[in-house]
Amino acid sequence: MFAGLPVAAGAATLTNGAGDGKVTMGVTGTGAFGGAANVALGATDAFYDPIGSTGPAATTYESYLYLGFGGVRINVGTLSATITAQSATSVTSSFVSSGLTFVLL
């Protein structure tokens, strides 16, 4: 994990290692990452470390999961989610929206 990437409760750090060619990011239980709005939720940018002397840099402005119900779009990134399992490269979580329970794998 890169130093200086805090991840709050309800978020997880995903990484495929450290060093050249690797990616590290903090993702919330609803799949949000990147962008200042997500930082309060515990997310971070996706940091890619290219091969060579160039250090890691942010790669994504922001990413959210959206759901549509009858023409209404819901930003799931603002909902409370519970992370139920995680590894270095995957997260499983669940949340409720409009009376429906969703499980993200």
PDB file of N, CA and C in Angstrom:
ATOM      1  N   MET A   1       0.842  -1.173   0.000  1.00  0.00           N
ATOM      2  CA  MET A   1       0.000   0.000   0.000  1.00  0.00           C
ATOM      3  C   MET A   1       0.885   1.233   0.000  1.00  0.00           C
ATOM      4  N   PHE A   2       0.459   2.264  -0.705  1.00  0.00           N
ATOM      5  CA  PHE A   2       1.217   3.499  -0.747  1.00  0.00           C
ATOM      6  C   PHE A   2       0.979   4.295   0.519  1.00  0.00           C
ATOM      7  N   ALA A   3       1.995   4.913   1.046  1.00  0.00           N
ATOM      8  CA  ALA A   3       1.852   5.743   2.242  1.00  0.00           C
ATOM      9  C   ALA A   3       0.958   6.928   1.929  1.00  0.00           C
ATOM     10  N   GLY A   4       0.221   7.377   2.921  1.00  0.00           N
ATOM     11  CA  GLY A   4      -0.618   8.550   2.749  1.00  0.00           C
ATOM     12  C   GLY A   4      -1.961   8.282   2.117  1.00  0.00           C
ATOM     13  N   LEU A   5      -2.391   7.018   2.039  1.00  0.00           N
ATOM     14  CA  LEU A   5      -3.689   6.692   1.476  1.00  0.00           C
ATOM     15  C   LEU A   5      -4.594   6.158   2.574  1.00  0.00           C
ATOM     16  N   PRO A   6      -5.177   7.035   3.401  1.00  0.00           N
ATOM     17  CA  PRO A   6      -6.020   6.549   4.493  1.00  0.00           C
ATOM     18  C   PRO A   6      -7.300   5.938   3.959  1.00  0.00           C
ATOM     19  N   VAL A   7      -7.768   4.879   4.581  1.00  0.00           N
ATOM     20  CA  VAL A   7      -9.029   4.257   4.214  1.00  0.00           C
ATOM     21  C   VAL A   7      -9.873   4.148   5.471  1.00  0.00           C
ATOM     22  N   ALA A   8     -11.040   4.767   5.467  1.00  0.00           N
ATOM     23  CA  ALA A   8     -11.911   4.805   6.640  1.00  0.00           C
ATOM     24  C   ALA A   8     -12.695   3.504   6.769  1.00  0.00           C
ATOM     25  N   ALA A   9     -13.332   3.326   7.943  1.00  0.00           N
ATOM     26  CA  ALA A   9     -14.191   2.172   8.156  1.00  0.00           C
ATOM     27  C   ALA A   9     -15.260   2.168   7.076  1.00  0.00           C
ATOM     28  N   GLY A  10     -15.619   0.994   6.596  1.00  0.00           N
ATOM     29  CA  GLY A  10     -16.605   0.893   5.535  1.00  0.00           C
ATOM     30  C   GLY A  10     -15.986   0.943   4.158  1.00  0.00           C
ATOM     31  N   ALA A  11     -14.678   0.995   4.099  1.00  0.00           N
ATOM     32  CA  ALA A  11     -13.967   0.979   2.829  1.00  0.00           C
ATOM     33  C   ALA A  11     -12.859  -0.060   2.917  1.00  0.00           C
ATOM     34  N   ALA A  12     -12.341  -0.452   1.782  1.00  0.00           N
ATOM     35  CA  ALA A  12     -11.285  -1.458   1.732  1.00  0.00           C
ATOM     36  C   ALA A  12     -10.197  -1.008   0.765  1.00  0.00           C
ATOM     37  N   THR A  13      -8.976  -1.420   1.019  1.00  0.00           N
ATOM     38  CA  THR A  13      -7.876  -1.154   0.106  1.00  0.00           C
ATOM     39  C   THR A  13      -7.709  -2.348  -0.817  1.00  0.00           C
ATOM     40  N   LEU A  14      -7.740  -2.094  -2.119  1.00  0.00           N
ATOM     41  CA  LEU A  14      -7.502  -3.123  -3.119  1.00  0.00           C
ATOM     42  C   LEU A  14      -6.153  -2.860  -3.760  1.00  0.00           C
ATOM     43  N   THR A  15      -5.363  -3.895  -3.924  1.00  0.00           N
ATOM     44  CA  THR A  15      -4.055  -3.724  -4.553  1.00  0.00           C
ATOM     45  C   THR A  15      -3.584  -5.039  -5.154  1.00  0.00           C
ATOM     46  N   ASN A  16      -2.833  -4.945  -6.219  1.00  0.00           N
ATOM     47  CA  ASN A  16      -2.201  -6.136  -6.776  1.00  0.00           C
ATOM     48  C   ASN A  16      -0.701  -6.120  -6.475  1.00  0.00           C
ATOM     49  N   GLY A  17      -0.324  -5.402  -5.409  1.00  0.00           N
ATOM     50  CA  GLY A  17       1.065  -5.385  -4.964  1.00  0.00           C
ATOM     51  C   GLY A  17       1.618  -3.981  -4.922  1.00  0.00           C
ATOM     52  N   ALA A  18       2.901  -3.892  -4.692  1.00  0.00           N
ATOM     53  CA  ALA A  18       3.576  -2.599  -4.641  1.00  0.00           C
ATOM     54  C   ALA A  18       4.669  -2.572  -5.696  1.00  0.00           C
ATOM     55  N   GLY A  19       4.963  -1.380  -6.173  1.00  0.00           N
ATOM     56  CA  GLY A  19       6.052  -1.231  -7.138  1.00  0.00           C
ATOM     57  C   GLY A  19       5.535  -1.093  -8.559  1.00  0.00           C
ATOM     58  N   ASP A  20       6.454  -1.168  -9.495  1.00  0.00           N
ATOM     59  CA  ASP A  20       6.158  -0.948 -10.907  1.00  0.00           C
ATOM     60  C   ASP A  20       5.031  -1.846 -11.420  1.00  0.00           C
ATOM     61  N   GLY A  21       4.112  -1.227 -12.169  1.00  0.00           N
ATOM     62  CA  GLY A  21       3.029  -1.959 -12.812  1.00  0.00           C
ATOM     63  C   GLY A  21       1.879  -2.324 -11.897  1.00  0.00           C
ATOM     64  N   LYS A  22       1.840  -1.764 -10.701  1.00  0.00           N
ATOM     65  CA  LYS A  22       0.814  -2.132  -9.727  1.00  0.00           C
ATOM     66  C   LYS A  22      -0.194  -1.001  -9.514  1.00  0.00           C
ATOM     67  N   VAL A  23      -1.391  -1.378  -9.044  1.00  0.00           N
ATOM     68  CA  VAL A  23      -2.470  -0.435  -8.761  1.00  0.00           C
ATOM     69  C   VAL A  23      -2.917  -0.609  -7.316  1.00  0.00           C
ATOM     70  N   THR A  24      -3.207   0.498  -6.630  1.00  0.00           N
ATOM     71  CA  THR A  24      -3.738   0.483  -5.270  1.00  0.00           C
ATOM     72  C   THR A  24      -4.853   1.518  -5.195  1.00  0.00           C
ATOM     73  N   MET A  25      -5.985   1.140  -4.570  1.00  0.00           N
ATOM     74  CA  MET A  25      -7.083   2.095  -4.384  1.00  0.00           C
ATOM     75  C   MET A  25      -7.909   1.727  -3.165  1.00  0.00           C
ATOM     76  N   GLY A  26      -8.533   2.750  -2.583  1.00  0.00           N
ATOM     77  CA  GLY A  26      -9.491   2.540  -1.504  1.00  0.00           C
ATOM     78  C   GLY A  26     -10.879   2.608  -2.100  1.00  0.00           C
ATOM     79  N   VAL A  27     -11.664   1.563  -1.913  1.00  0.00           N
ATOM     80  CA  VAL A  27     -13.006   1.481  -2.484  1.00  0.00           C
ATOM     81  C   VAL A  27     -14.027   1.299  -1.365  1.00  0.00           C
ATOM     82  N   THR A  28     -15.167   1.985  -1.477  1.00  0.00           N
ATOM     83  CA  THR A  28     -16.211   1.858  -0.465  1.00  0.00           C
ATOM     84  C   THR A  28     -17.017   0.588  -0.703  1.00  0.00           C
ATOM     85  N   GLY A  29     -17.879   0.277   0.220  1.00  0.00           N
ATOM     86  CA  GLY A  29     -18.738  -0.894   0.087  1.00  0.00           C
ATOM     87  C   GLY A  29     -19.722  -0.801  -1.060  1.00  0.00           C
ATOM     88  N   THR A  30     -19.938   0.402  -1.582  1.00  0.00           N
ATOM     89  CA  THR A  30     -20.815   0.569  -2.738  1.00  0.00           C
ATOM     90  C   THR A  30     -20.028   0.680  -4.044  1.00  0.00           C
ATOM     91  N   GLY A  31     -18.727   0.442  -3.993  1.00  0.00           N
ATOM     92  CA  GLY A  31     -17.907   0.453  -5.196  1.00  0.00           C
ATOM     93  C   GLY A  31     -17.372   1.809  -5.599  1.00  0.00           C
ATOM     94  N   ALA A  32     -17.564   2.838  -4.782  1.00  0.00           N
ATOM     95  CA  ALA A  32     -17.087   4.178  -5.127  1.00  0.00           C
ATOM     96  C   ALA A  32     -15.594   4.306  -4.860  1.00  0.00           C
ATOM     97  N   PHE A  33     -14.898   4.992  -5.757  1.00  0.00           N
ATOM     98  CA  PHE A  33     -13.487   5.326  -5.539  1.00  0.00           C
ATOM     99  C   PHE A  33     -13.147   6.557  -6.339  1.00  0.00           C
ATOM    100  N   GLY A  34     -12.041   7.204  -5.943  1.00  0.00           N
ATOM    101  CA  GLY A  34     -11.597   8.418  -6.627  1.00  0.00           C
ATOM    102  C   GLY A  34     -12.458   9.620  -6.293  1.00  0.00           C
ATOM    103  N   GLY A  35     -11.944  10.794  -6.543  1.00  0.00           N
ATOM    104  CA  GLY A  35     -12.710  12.013  -6.367  1.00  0.00           C
ATOM    105  C   GLY A  35     -12.844  12.457  -4.926  1.00  0.00           C
ATOM    106  N   ALA A  36     -12.906  13.745  -4.740  1.00  0.00           N
ATOM    107  CA  ALA A  36     -12.965  14.318  -3.398  1.00  0.00           C
ATOM    108  C   ALA A  36     -14.233  13.912  -2.652  1.00  0.00           C
ATOM    109  N   ALA A  37     -15.348  13.742  -3.369  1.00  0.00           N
ATOM    110  CA  ALA A  37     -16.602  13.389  -2.704  1.00  0.00           C
ATOM    111  C   ALA A  37     -16.522  12.013  -2.049  1.00  0.00           C
ATOM    112  N   ASN A  38     -15.743  11.128  -2.619  1.00  0.00           N
ATOM    113  CA  ASN A  38     -15.632   9.767  -2.090  1.00  0.00           C
ATOM    114  C   ASN A  38     -14.683   9.662  -0.911  1.00  0.00           C
ATOM    115  N   VAL A  39     -13.785  10.619  -0.730  1.00  0.00           N
ATOM    116  CA  VAL A  39     -12.801  10.562   0.349  1.00  0.00           C
ATOM    117  C   VAL A  39     -13.504  10.506   1.703  1.00  0.00           C
ATOM    118  N   ALA A  40     -14.584  11.268   1.859  1.00  0.00           N
ATOM    119  CA  ALA A  40     -15.331  11.257   3.117  1.00  0.00           C
ATOM    120  C   ALA A  40     -15.933   9.880   3.383  1.00  0.00           C
ATOM    121  N   LEU A  41     -16.147   9.099   2.329  1.00  0.00           N
ATOM    122  CA  LEU A  41     -16.706   7.756   2.467  1.00  0.00           C
ATOM    123  C   LEU A  41     -15.613   6.713   2.696  1.00  0.00           C
ATOM    124  N   GLY A  42     -14.356   7.131   2.629  1.00  0.00           N
ATOM    125  CA  GLY A  42     -13.241   6.222   2.852  1.00  0.00           C
ATOM    126  C   GLY A  42     -12.547   5.751   1.595  1.00  0.00           C
ATOM    127  N   ALA A  43     -12.905   6.312   0.462  1.00  0.00           N
ATOM    128  CA  ALA A  43     -12.294   5.907  -0.798  1.00  0.00           C
ATOM    129  C   ALA A  43     -11.049   6.734  -1.100  1.00  0.00           C
ATOM    130  N   THR A  44     -10.233   6.243  -2.006  1.00  0.00           N
ATOM    131  CA  THR A  44      -9.092   6.999  -2.516  1.00  0.00           C
ATOM    132  C   THR A  44      -9.084   6.895  -4.030  1.00  0.00           C
ATOM    133  N   ASP A  45      -8.247   7.666  -4.669  1.00  0.00           N
ATOM    134  CA  ASP A  45      -8.032   7.506  -6.100  1.00  0.00           C
ATOM    135  C   ASP A  45      -7.420   6.139  -6.352  1.00  0.00           C
ATOM    136  N   ALA A  46      -7.506   5.701  -7.595  1.00  0.00           N
ATOM    137  CA  ALA A  46      -6.775   4.515  -8.021  1.00  0.00           C
ATOM    138  C   ALA A  46      -5.382   5.003  -8.408  1.00  0.00           C
ATOM    139  N   PHE A  47      -4.360   4.541  -7.717  1.00  0.00           N
ATOM    140  CA  PHE A  47      -2.989   4.953  -7.989  1.00  0.00           C
ATOM    141  C   PHE A  47      -2.276   3.865  -8.769  1.00  0.00           C
ATOM    142  N   TYR A  48      -1.781   4.224  -9.955  1.00  0.00           N
ATOM    143  CA  TYR A  48      -1.031   3.291 -10.796  1.00  0.00           C
ATOM    144  C   TYR A  48       0.436   3.689 -10.768  1.00  0.00           C
ATOM    145  N   ASP A  49       1.311   2.712 -10.579  1.00  0.00           N
ATOM    146  CA  ASP A  49       2.754   2.946 -10.569  1.00  0.00           C
ATOM    147  C   ASP A  49       3.317   2.393 -11.875  1.00  0.00           C
ATOM    148  N   PRO A  50       3.594   3.253 -12.860  1.00  0.00           N
ATOM    149  CA  PRO A  50       4.090   2.766 -14.150  1.00  0.00           C
ATOM    150  C   PRO A  50       5.493   2.166 -14.039  1.00  0.00           C
ATOM    151  N   ILE A  51       5.826   1.347 -14.996  1.00  0.00           N
ATOM    152  CA  ILE A  51       7.147   0.741 -15.033  1.00  0.00           C
ATOM    153  C   ILE A  51       8.173   1.823 -15.333  1.00  0.00           C
ATOM    154  N   GLY A  52       9.253   1.840 -14.579  1.00  0.00           N
ATOM    155  CA  GLY A  52      10.296   2.839 -14.756  1.00  0.00           C
ATOM    156  C   GLY A  52      10.408   3.754 -13.557  1.00  0.00           C
ATOM    157  N   SER A  53      11.082   4.876 -13.751  1.00  0.00           N
ATOM    158  CA  SER A  53      11.391   5.769 -12.635  1.00  0.00           C
ATOM    159  C   SER A  53      10.230   6.683 -12.233  1.00  0.00           C
ATOM    160  N   THR A  54       9.178   6.758 -13.047  1.00  0.00           N
ATOM    161  CA  THR A  54       8.031   7.586 -12.702  1.00  0.00           C
ATOM    162  C   THR A  54       7.279   6.949 -11.543  1.00  0.00           C
ATOM    163  N   GLY A  55       6.945   7.739 -10.538  1.00  0.00           N
ATOM    164  CA  GLY A  55       6.239   7.222  -9.365  1.00  0.00           C
ATOM    165  C   GLY A  55       4.744   7.088  -9.594  1.00  0.00           C
ATOM    166  N   PRO A  56       4.031   6.575  -8.601  1.00  0.00           N
ATOM    167  CA  PRO A  56       2.590   6.375  -8.726  1.00  0.00           C
ATOM    168  C   PRO A  56       1.835   7.695  -8.866  1.00  0.00           C
ATOM    169  N   ALA A  57       0.719   7.627  -9.612  1.00  0.00           N
ATOM    170  CA  ALA A  57      -0.135   8.799  -9.803  1.00  0.00           C
ATOM    171  C   ALA A  57      -1.591   8.355  -9.884  1.00  0.00           C
ATOM    172  N   ALA A  58      -2.493   9.285  -9.555  1.00  0.00           N
ATOM    173  CA  ALA A  58      -3.922   8.995  -9.618  1.00  0.00           C
ATOM    174  C   ALA A  58      -4.347   8.759 -11.065  1.00  0.00           C
ATOM    175  N   THR A  59      -5.268   7.817 -11.264  1.00  0.00           N
ATOM    176  CA  THR A  59      -5.696   7.461 -12.617  1.00  0.00           C
ATOM    177  C   THR A  59      -7.155   7.737 -12.904  1.00  0.00           C
ATOM    178  N   THR A  60      -7.972   7.926 -11.882  1.00  0.00           N
ATOM    179  CA  THR A  60      -9.421   8.029 -12.077  1.00  0.00           C
ATOM    180  C   THR A  60      -9.950   9.250 -11.348  1.00  0.00           C
ATOM    181  N   TYR A  61     -10.763  10.049 -12.023  1.00  0.00           N
ATOM    182  CA  TYR A  61     -11.332  11.226 -11.376  1.00  0.00           C
ATOM    183  C   TYR A  61     -12.277  10.785 -10.262  1.00  0.00           C
ATOM    184  N   GLU A  62     -13.300  10.018 -10.591  1.00  0.00           N
ATOM    185  CA  GLU A  62     -14.165   9.411  -9.587  1.00  0.00           C
ATOM    186  C   GLU A  62     -15.040   8.363 -10.251  1.00  0.00           C
ATOM    187  N   SER A  63     -15.507   7.412  -9.454  1.00  0.00           N
ATOM    188  CA  SER A  63     -16.337   6.341  -9.967  1.00  0.00           C
ATOM    189  C   SER A  63     -17.397   5.998  -8.931  1.00  0.00           C
ATOM    190  N   TYR A  64     -18.637   5.909  -9.376  1.00  0.00           N
ATOM    191  CA  TYR A  64     -19.772   5.548  -8.523  1.00  0.00           C
ATOM    192  C   TYR A  64     -20.590   4.472  -9.221  1.00  0.00           C
ATOM    193  N   LEU A  65     -21.360   3.750  -8.450  1.00  0.00           N
ATOM    194  CA  LEU A  65     -22.354   2.832  -8.977  1.00  0.00           C
ATOM    195  C   LEU A  65     -23.696   3.555  -8.961  1.00  0.00           C
ATOM    196  N   TYR A  66     -24.423   3.520 -10.076  1.00  0.00           N
ATOM    197  CA  TYR A  66     -25.750   4.128 -10.153  1.00  0.00           C
ATOM    198  C   TYR A  66     -26.777   3.052 -10.462  1.00  0.00           C
ATOM    199  N   LEU A  67     -27.969   3.185  -9.889  1.00  0.00           N
ATOM    200  CA  LEU A  67     -29.089   2.299 -10.182  1.00  0.00           C
ATOM    201  C   LEU A  67     -30.227   3.123 -10.750  1.00  0.00           C
ATOM    202  N   GLY A  68     -30.997   2.522 -11.652  1.00  0.00           N
ATOM    203  CA  GLY A  68     -32.155   3.212 -12.201  1.00  0.00           C
ATOM    204  C   GLY A  68     -33.432   2.486 -11.832  1.00  0.00           C
ATOM    205  N   PHE A  69     -34.407   3.232 -11.321  1.00  0.00           N
ATOM    206  CA  PHE A  69     -35.716   2.694 -10.970  1.00  0.00           C
ATOM    207  C   PHE A  69     -36.776   3.559 -11.640  1.00  0.00           C
ATOM    208  N   GLY A  70     -37.457   3.039 -12.652  1.00  0.00           N
ATOM    209  CA  GLY A  70     -38.542   3.785 -13.285  1.00  0.00           C
ATOM    210  C   GLY A  70     -38.134   5.161 -13.758  1.00  0.00           C
ATOM    211  N   GLY A  71     -36.957   5.288 -14.323  1.00  0.00           N
ATOM    212  CA  GLY A  71     -36.477   6.566 -14.827  1.00  0.00           C
ATOM    213  C   GLY A  71     -35.778   7.433 -13.792  1.00  0.00           C
ATOM    214  N   VAL A  72     -35.724   6.964 -12.536  1.00  0.00           N
ATOM    215  CA  VAL A  72     -35.036   7.716 -11.478  1.00  0.00           C
ATOM    216  C   VAL A  72     -33.656   7.095 -11.272  1.00  0.00           C
ATOM    217  N   ARG A  73     -32.631   7.915 -11.329  1.00  0.00           N
ATOM    218  CA  ARG A  73     -31.261   7.431 -11.149  1.00  0.00           C
ATOM    219  C   ARG A  73     -30.830   7.680  -9.712  1.00  0.00           C
ATOM    220  N   ILE A  74     -30.324   6.627  -9.052  1.00  0.00           N
ATOM    221  CA  ILE A  74     -29.882   6.720  -7.663  1.00  0.00           C
ATOM    222  C   ILE A  74     -28.371   6.539  -7.607  1.00  0.00           C
ATOM    223  N   ASN A  75     -27.681   7.498  -6.987  1.00  0.00           N
ATOM    224  CA  ASN A  75     -26.246   7.385  -6.763  1.00  0.00           C
ATOM    225  C   ASN A  75     -26.043   6.502  -5.542  1.00  0.00           C
ATOM    226  N   VAL A  76     -25.698   5.253  -5.775  1.00  0.00           N
ATOM    227  CA  VAL A  76     -25.527   4.294  -4.693  1.00  0.00           C
ATOM    228  C   VAL A  76     -24.338   4.660  -3.810  1.00  0.00           C
ATOM    229  N   GLY A  77     -23.397   5.430  -4.328  1.00  0.00           N
ATOM    230  CA  GLY A  77     -22.204   5.809  -3.581  1.00  0.00           C
ATOM    231  C   GLY A  77     -22.490   6.562  -2.299  1.00  0.00           C
ATOM    232  N   THR A  78     -23.685   7.128  -2.173  1.00  0.00           N
ATOM    233  CA  THR A  78     -24.025   7.873  -0.970  1.00  0.00           C
ATOM    234  C   THR A  78     -24.737   7.007   0.074  1.00  0.00           C
ATOM    235  N   LEU A  79     -25.036   5.747  -0.260  1.00  0.00           N
ATOM    236  CA  LEU A  79     -25.720   4.852   0.672  1.00  0.00           C
ATOM    237  C   LEU A  79     -24.725   4.191   1.613  1.00  0.00           C
ATOM    238  N   SER A  80     -25.222   3.741   2.742  1.00  0.00           N
ATOM    239  CA  SER A  80     -24.395   3.017   3.700  1.00  0.00           C
ATOM    240  C   SER A  80     -24.325   1.549   3.279  1.00  0.00           C
ATOM    241  N   ALA A  81     -23.145   1.003   3.194  1.00  0.00           N
ATOM    242  CA  ALA A  81     -22.953  -0.396   2.804  1.00  0.00           C
ATOM    243  C   ALA A  81     -22.111  -1.106   3.849  1.00  0.00           C
ATOM    244  N   THR A  82     -22.296  -2.411   3.927  1.00  0.00           N
ATOM    245  CA  THR A  82     -21.517  -3.236   4.842  1.00  0.00           C
ATOM    246  C   THR A  82     -20.590  -4.134   4.041  1.00  0.00           C
ATOM    247  N   ILE A  83     -19.300  -4.053   4.317  1.00  0.00           N
ATOM    248  CA  ILE A  83     -18.344  -4.951   3.673  1.00  0.00           C
ATOM    249  C   ILE A  83     -18.384  -6.269   4.437  1.00  0.00           C
ATOM    250  N   THR A  84     -18.701  -7.344   3.725  1.00  0.00           N
ATOM    251  CA  THR A  84     -18.857  -8.652   4.363  1.00  0.00           C
ATOM    252  C   THR A  84     -17.660  -9.562   4.165  1.00  0.00           C
ATOM    253  N   ALA A  85     -16.847  -9.300   3.149  1.00  0.00           N
ATOM    254  CA  ALA A  85     -15.629 -10.096   2.913  1.00  0.00           C
ATOM    255  C   ALA A  85     -14.688  -9.283   2.035  1.00  0.00           C
ATOM    256  N   GLN A  86     -13.394  -9.517   2.201  1.00  0.00           N
ATOM    257  CA  GLN A  86     -12.438  -8.834   1.333  1.00  0.00           C
ATOM    258  C   GLN A  86     -11.129  -9.612   1.266  1.00  0.00           C
ATOM    259  N   SER A  87     -10.442  -9.424   0.158  1.00  0.00           N
ATOM    260  CA  SER A  87      -9.081  -9.917  -0.027  1.00  0.00           C
ATOM    261  C   SER A  87      -8.289  -8.752  -0.601  1.00  0.00           C
ATOM    262  N   ALA A  88      -7.068  -9.004  -1.014  1.00  0.00           N
ATOM    263  CA  ALA A  88      -6.252  -7.924  -1.576  1.00  0.00           C
ATOM    264  C   ALA A  88      -6.832  -7.377  -2.877  1.00  0.00           C
ATOM    265  N   THR A  89      -7.570  -8.214  -3.623  1.00  0.00           N
ATOM    266  CA  THR A  89      -8.044  -7.805  -4.942  1.00  0.00           C
ATOM    267  C   THR A  89      -9.559  -7.856  -5.125  1.00  0.00           C
ATOM    268  N   SER A  90     -10.321  -8.134  -4.061  1.00  0.00           N
ATOM    269  CA  SER A  90     -11.779  -8.157  -4.204  1.00  0.00           C
ATOM    270  C   SER A  90     -12.473  -7.787  -2.897  1.00  0.00           C
ATOM    271  N   VAL A  91     -13.704  -7.316  -3.037  1.00  0.00           N
ATOM    272  CA  VAL A  91     -14.527  -6.935  -1.890  1.00  0.00           C
ATOM    273  C   VAL A  91     -15.940  -7.436  -2.151  1.00  0.00           C
ATOM    274  N   THR A  92     -16.587  -7.962  -1.120  1.00  0.00           N
ATOM    275  CA  THR A  92     -18.004  -8.310  -1.181  1.00  0.00           C
ATOM    276  C   THR A  92     -18.720  -7.425  -0.175  1.00  0.00           C
ATOM    277  N   SER A  93     -19.818  -6.819  -0.590  1.00  0.00           N
ATOM    278  CA  SER A  93     -20.549  -5.925   0.301  1.00  0.00           C
ATOM    279  C   SER A  93     -22.036  -6.011   0.014  1.00  0.00           C
ATOM    280  N   SER A  94     -22.833  -5.422   0.912  1.00  0.00           N
ATOM    281  CA  SER A  94     -24.278  -5.391   0.696  1.00  0.00           C
ATOM    282  C   SER A  94     -24.832  -4.055   1.173  1.00  0.00           C
ATOM    283  N   PHE A  95     -25.960  -3.645   0.564  1.00  0.00           N
ATOM    284  CA  PHE A  95     -26.643  -2.422   0.952  1.00  0.00           C
ATOM    285  C   PHE A  95     -28.106  -2.548   0.551  1.00  0.00           C
ATOM    286  N   VAL A  96     -28.936  -1.687   1.108  1.00  0.00           N
ATOM    287  CA  VAL A  96     -30.372  -1.671   0.813  1.00  0.00           C
ATOM    288  C   VAL A  96     -30.724  -0.335   0.180  1.00  0.00           C
ATOM    289  N   SER A  97     -31.511  -0.383  -0.904  1.00  0.00           N
ATOM    290  CA  SER A  97     -31.979   0.825  -1.556  1.00  0.00           C
ATOM    291  C   SER A  97     -33.404   0.576  -2.045  1.00  0.00           C
ATOM    292  N   SER A  98     -34.299   1.478  -1.730  1.00  0.00           N
ATOM    293  CA  SER A  98     -35.701   1.378  -2.154  1.00  0.00           C
ATOM    294  C   SER A  98     -36.320   0.046  -1.789  1.00  0.00           C
ATOM    295  N   GLY A  99     -35.951  -0.487  -0.630  1.00  0.00           N
ATOM    296  CA  GLY A  99     -36.510  -1.746  -0.148  1.00  0.00           C
ATOM    297  C   GLY A  99     -35.894  -2.990  -0.775  1.00  0.00           C
ATOM    298  N   LEU A 100     -34.908  -2.831  -1.642  1.00  0.00           N
ATOM    299  CA  LEU A 100     -34.226  -3.961  -2.258  1.00  0.00           C
ATOM    300  C   LEU A 100     -32.845  -4.121  -1.656  1.00  0.00           C
ATOM    301  N   THR A 101     -32.451  -5.360  -1.389  1.00  0.00           N
ATOM    302  CA  THR A 101     -31.115  -5.652  -0.865  1.00  0.00           C
ATOM    303  C   THR A 101     -30.207  -6.030  -2.030  1.00  0.00           C
ATOM    304  N   PHE A 102     -29.051  -5.385  -2.125  1.00  0.00           N
ATOM    305  CA  PHE A 102     -28.065  -5.648  -3.174  1.00  0.00           C
ATOM    306  C   PHE A 102     -26.801  -6.223  -2.555  1.00  0.00           C
ATOM    307  N   VAL A 103     -26.200  -7.183  -3.243  1.00  0.00           N
ATOM    308  CA  VAL A 103     -24.909  -7.742  -2.841  1.00  0.00           C
ATOM    309  C   VAL A 103     -23.956  -7.512  -4.013  1.00  0.00           C
ATOM    310  N   LEU A 104     -22.864  -6.796  -3.748  1.00  0.00           N
ATOM    311  CA  LEU A 104     -21.828  -6.547  -4.762  1.00  0.00           C
ATOM    312  C   LEU A 104     -20.695  -7.528  -4.536  1.00  0.00           C
ATOM    313  N   LEU A 105     -20.292  -8.195  -5.593  1.00  0.00           N
ATOM    314  CA  LEU A 105     -19.168  -9.137  -5.515  1.00  0.00           C
ATOM    315  C   LEU A 105     -17.989  -8.603  -6.276  1.00  0.00           C
TER     316      LEU A 105
END
